[in-house]
């Protein structure tokens, strides 16, 4: 089954958000569809290799705002 690029990118974003510290979902996989996790970083990002490209998905960094 073919999957659209936009849908796969959205799935990568959700997966990156749920990785790292206090993951929301532990699946133990290194591949999502035909995309393979190629690199993880310490700032909640995951690099995927897909169709000859490298795609980076990251969790938005939260900063505290003080008055």
N, C-alpha and C. Protein backbone atom coordinates (compact mmCIF):
# COMPACT_ATOMS: atom_id res chain seq x y z
N UNK A 1 0.84 -1.17 0.00
CA UNK A 1 0.00 0.00 0.00
C UNK A 1 0.89 1.24 0.00
N UNK A 2 0.66 2.13 -0.92
CA UNK A 2 1.42 3.38 -0.99
C UNK A 2 0.89 4.35 0.06
N UNK A 3 1.80 5.15 0.58
CA UNK A 3 1.43 6.14 1.59
C UNK A 3 1.89 7.50 1.07
N UNK A 4 1.09 8.51 1.29
CA UNK A 4 1.45 9.84 0.79
C UNK A 4 2.63 10.40 1.60
N UNK A 5 3.41 11.24 0.96
CA UNK A 5 4.56 11.86 1.62
C UNK A 5 4.11 12.67 2.83
N UNK A 6 3.04 13.44 2.69
CA UNK A 6 2.56 14.27 3.81
C UNK A 6 2.15 13.43 5.01
N UNK A 7 1.50 12.30 4.75
CA UNK A 7 1.09 11.44 5.85
C UNK A 7 2.30 10.84 6.54
N UNK A 8 3.28 10.37 5.77
CA UNK A 8 4.47 9.79 6.37
C UNK A 8 5.25 10.83 7.18
N UNK A 9 5.35 12.05 6.68
CA UNK A 9 6.03 13.11 7.43
C UNK A 9 5.30 13.41 8.73
N UNK A 10 3.99 13.38 8.72
CA UNK A 10 3.21 13.60 9.94
C UNK A 10 3.45 12.47 10.94
N UNK A 11 3.53 11.25 10.45
CA UNK A 11 3.81 10.10 11.32
C UNK A 11 5.21 10.24 11.92
N UNK A 12 6.19 10.67 11.12
CA UNK A 12 7.55 10.89 11.64
C UNK A 12 7.53 11.92 12.75
N UNK A 13 6.79 13.00 12.55
CA UNK A 13 6.72 14.05 13.58
C UNK A 13 6.13 13.51 14.87
N UNK A 14 5.06 12.74 14.76
CA UNK A 14 4.44 12.17 15.96
C UNK A 14 5.39 11.20 16.65
N UNK A 15 6.11 10.40 15.86
CA UNK A 15 7.05 9.44 16.43
C UNK A 15 8.19 10.16 17.14
N UNK A 16 8.74 11.21 16.51
CA UNK A 16 9.84 11.97 17.14
C UNK A 16 9.37 12.59 18.45
N UNK A 17 8.15 13.08 18.49
CA UNK A 17 7.62 13.69 19.70
C UNK A 17 7.53 12.67 20.83
N UNK A 18 7.26 11.43 20.48
CA UNK A 18 7.09 10.38 21.48
C UNK A 18 8.36 9.61 21.78
N UNK A 19 9.51 10.09 21.32
CA UNK A 19 10.79 9.46 21.62
C UNK A 19 11.54 10.32 22.61
N UNK A 20 12.71 9.88 23.02
CA UNK A 20 13.53 10.67 23.93
C UNK A 20 13.13 10.45 25.38
N UNK A 21 13.28 11.48 26.19
CA UNK A 21 12.95 11.37 27.61
C UNK A 21 11.44 11.25 27.80
N UNK A 22 11.06 10.38 28.70
CA UNK A 22 9.64 10.14 28.99
C UNK A 22 8.82 9.91 27.73
N UNK A 23 9.17 8.87 26.96
CA UNK A 23 8.45 8.63 25.71
C UNK A 23 6.98 8.31 25.95
N UNK A 24 6.14 8.77 25.05
CA UNK A 24 4.71 8.50 25.15
C UNK A 24 4.35 7.12 24.64
N UNK A 25 5.20 6.56 23.79
CA UNK A 25 4.95 5.26 23.20
C UNK A 25 6.29 4.58 22.98
N UNK A 26 6.48 3.42 23.58
CA UNK A 26 7.72 2.67 23.40
C UNK A 26 7.42 1.53 22.44
N UNK A 27 7.97 1.61 21.23
CA UNK A 27 7.69 0.56 20.25
C UNK A 27 8.93 -0.25 19.90
N UNK A 28 10.12 0.22 20.24
CA UNK A 28 11.34 -0.55 20.01
C UNK A 28 11.68 -0.79 18.55
N UNK A 29 11.07 -0.05 17.66
CA UNK A 29 11.31 -0.23 16.22
C UNK A 29 12.31 0.79 15.72
N UNK A 30 13.02 0.43 14.65
CA UNK A 30 13.94 1.37 14.02
C UNK A 30 13.48 1.70 12.60
N UNK A 31 12.26 1.27 12.27
CA UNK A 31 11.73 1.53 10.94
C UNK A 31 10.24 1.82 11.03
N UNK A 32 9.79 2.80 10.26
CA UNK A 32 8.37 3.12 10.14
C UNK A 32 8.05 3.08 8.66
N UNK A 33 7.25 2.12 8.25
CA UNK A 33 7.00 1.93 6.82
C UNK A 33 8.31 1.61 6.14
N UNK A 34 8.64 2.35 5.10
CA UNK A 34 9.91 2.15 4.41
C UNK A 34 10.99 3.11 4.89
N UNK A 35 10.68 3.94 5.89
CA UNK A 35 11.65 4.89 6.44
C UNK A 35 12.37 4.25 7.62
N UNK A 36 13.69 4.43 7.67
CA UNK A 36 14.51 3.85 8.72
C UNK A 36 15.13 4.96 9.55
N UNK A 37 15.07 4.82 10.87
CA UNK A 37 15.72 5.80 11.73
C UNK A 37 17.22 5.70 11.51
N UNK A 38 17.84 6.81 11.12
CA UNK A 38 19.27 6.78 10.84
C UNK A 38 20.09 7.50 11.89
N UNK A 39 19.46 8.35 12.69
CA UNK A 39 20.21 9.07 13.71
C UNK A 39 19.24 9.64 14.74
N UNK A 40 19.64 9.62 15.98
CA UNK A 40 18.87 10.25 17.06
C UNK A 40 19.74 11.34 17.65
N UNK A 41 19.13 12.31 18.26
CA UNK A 41 19.92 13.38 18.87
C UNK A 41 19.45 13.60 20.30
N UNK A 42 20.14 14.46 21.00
CA UNK A 42 19.80 14.70 22.39
C UNK A 42 18.74 15.79 22.55
N UNK A 43 18.27 16.38 21.45
CA UNK A 43 17.25 17.42 21.58
C UNK A 43 15.93 17.00 20.96
N UNK A 44 15.56 15.74 21.17
CA UNK A 44 14.27 15.22 20.73
C UNK A 44 14.09 15.30 19.22
N UNK A 45 15.06 14.85 18.49
CA UNK A 45 14.95 14.81 17.04
C UNK A 45 15.34 13.42 16.55
N UNK A 46 14.79 13.04 15.44
CA UNK A 46 15.11 11.77 14.82
C UNK A 46 15.32 12.03 13.34
N UNK A 47 16.38 11.46 12.77
CA UNK A 47 16.61 11.56 11.33
C UNK A 47 16.20 10.23 10.71
N UNK A 48 15.40 10.29 9.65
CA UNK A 48 14.94 9.11 8.94
C UNK A 48 15.55 9.09 7.55
N UNK A 49 15.92 7.92 7.07
CA UNK A 49 16.33 7.75 5.68
C UNK A 49 15.11 7.24 4.93
N UNK A 50 14.70 7.96 3.89
CA UNK A 50 13.49 7.58 3.15
C UNK A 50 13.63 7.99 1.70
N UNK A 51 13.48 7.05 0.80
CA UNK A 51 13.54 7.30 -0.64
C UNK A 51 14.78 8.09 -1.06
N UNK A 52 15.91 7.78 -0.45
CA UNK A 52 17.15 8.45 -0.80
C UNK A 52 17.35 9.81 -0.16
N UNK A 53 16.41 10.26 0.65
CA UNK A 53 16.51 11.55 1.33
C UNK A 53 16.68 11.34 2.83
N UNK A 54 17.18 12.34 3.51
CA UNK A 54 17.22 12.34 4.97
C UNK A 54 16.17 13.33 5.45
N UNK A 55 15.28 12.86 6.32
CA UNK A 55 14.20 13.68 6.84
C UNK A 55 14.39 13.80 8.34
N UNK A 56 14.37 15.01 8.85
CA UNK A 56 14.52 15.22 10.28
C UNK A 56 13.18 15.64 10.89
N UNK A 57 12.81 14.95 11.94
CA UNK A 57 11.59 15.29 12.68
C UNK A 57 12.03 15.58 14.11
N UNK A 58 11.49 16.64 14.69
CA UNK A 58 11.93 17.00 16.03
C UNK A 58 10.77 17.42 16.92
N UNK A 59 11.00 17.24 18.20
CA UNK A 59 10.05 17.70 19.20
C UNK A 59 10.36 19.17 19.47
N UNK A 60 9.34 19.98 19.49
CA UNK A 60 9.56 21.40 19.74
C UNK A 60 10.14 21.61 21.14
N UNK A 61 11.12 22.43 21.22
CA UNK A 61 11.75 22.71 22.50
C UNK A 61 10.91 23.71 23.28
N UNK A 62 10.61 23.37 24.50
CA UNK A 62 9.81 24.25 25.34
C UNK A 62 10.73 25.11 26.19
N UNK A 63 10.43 26.35 26.25
CA UNK A 63 11.20 27.24 27.11
C UNK A 63 10.24 27.86 28.12
N UNK A 64 10.74 28.09 29.29
CA UNK A 64 9.88 28.72 30.29
C UNK A 64 9.93 30.23 30.12
N UNK A 65 8.79 30.83 30.24
CA UNK A 65 8.70 32.29 30.14
C UNK A 65 8.47 32.85 31.52
N UNK A 66 9.27 33.80 31.84
CA UNK A 66 9.12 34.44 33.15
C UNK A 66 8.81 35.90 32.95
N UNK A 67 7.93 36.44 33.78
CA UNK A 67 7.59 37.87 33.65
C UNK A 67 8.77 38.78 33.94
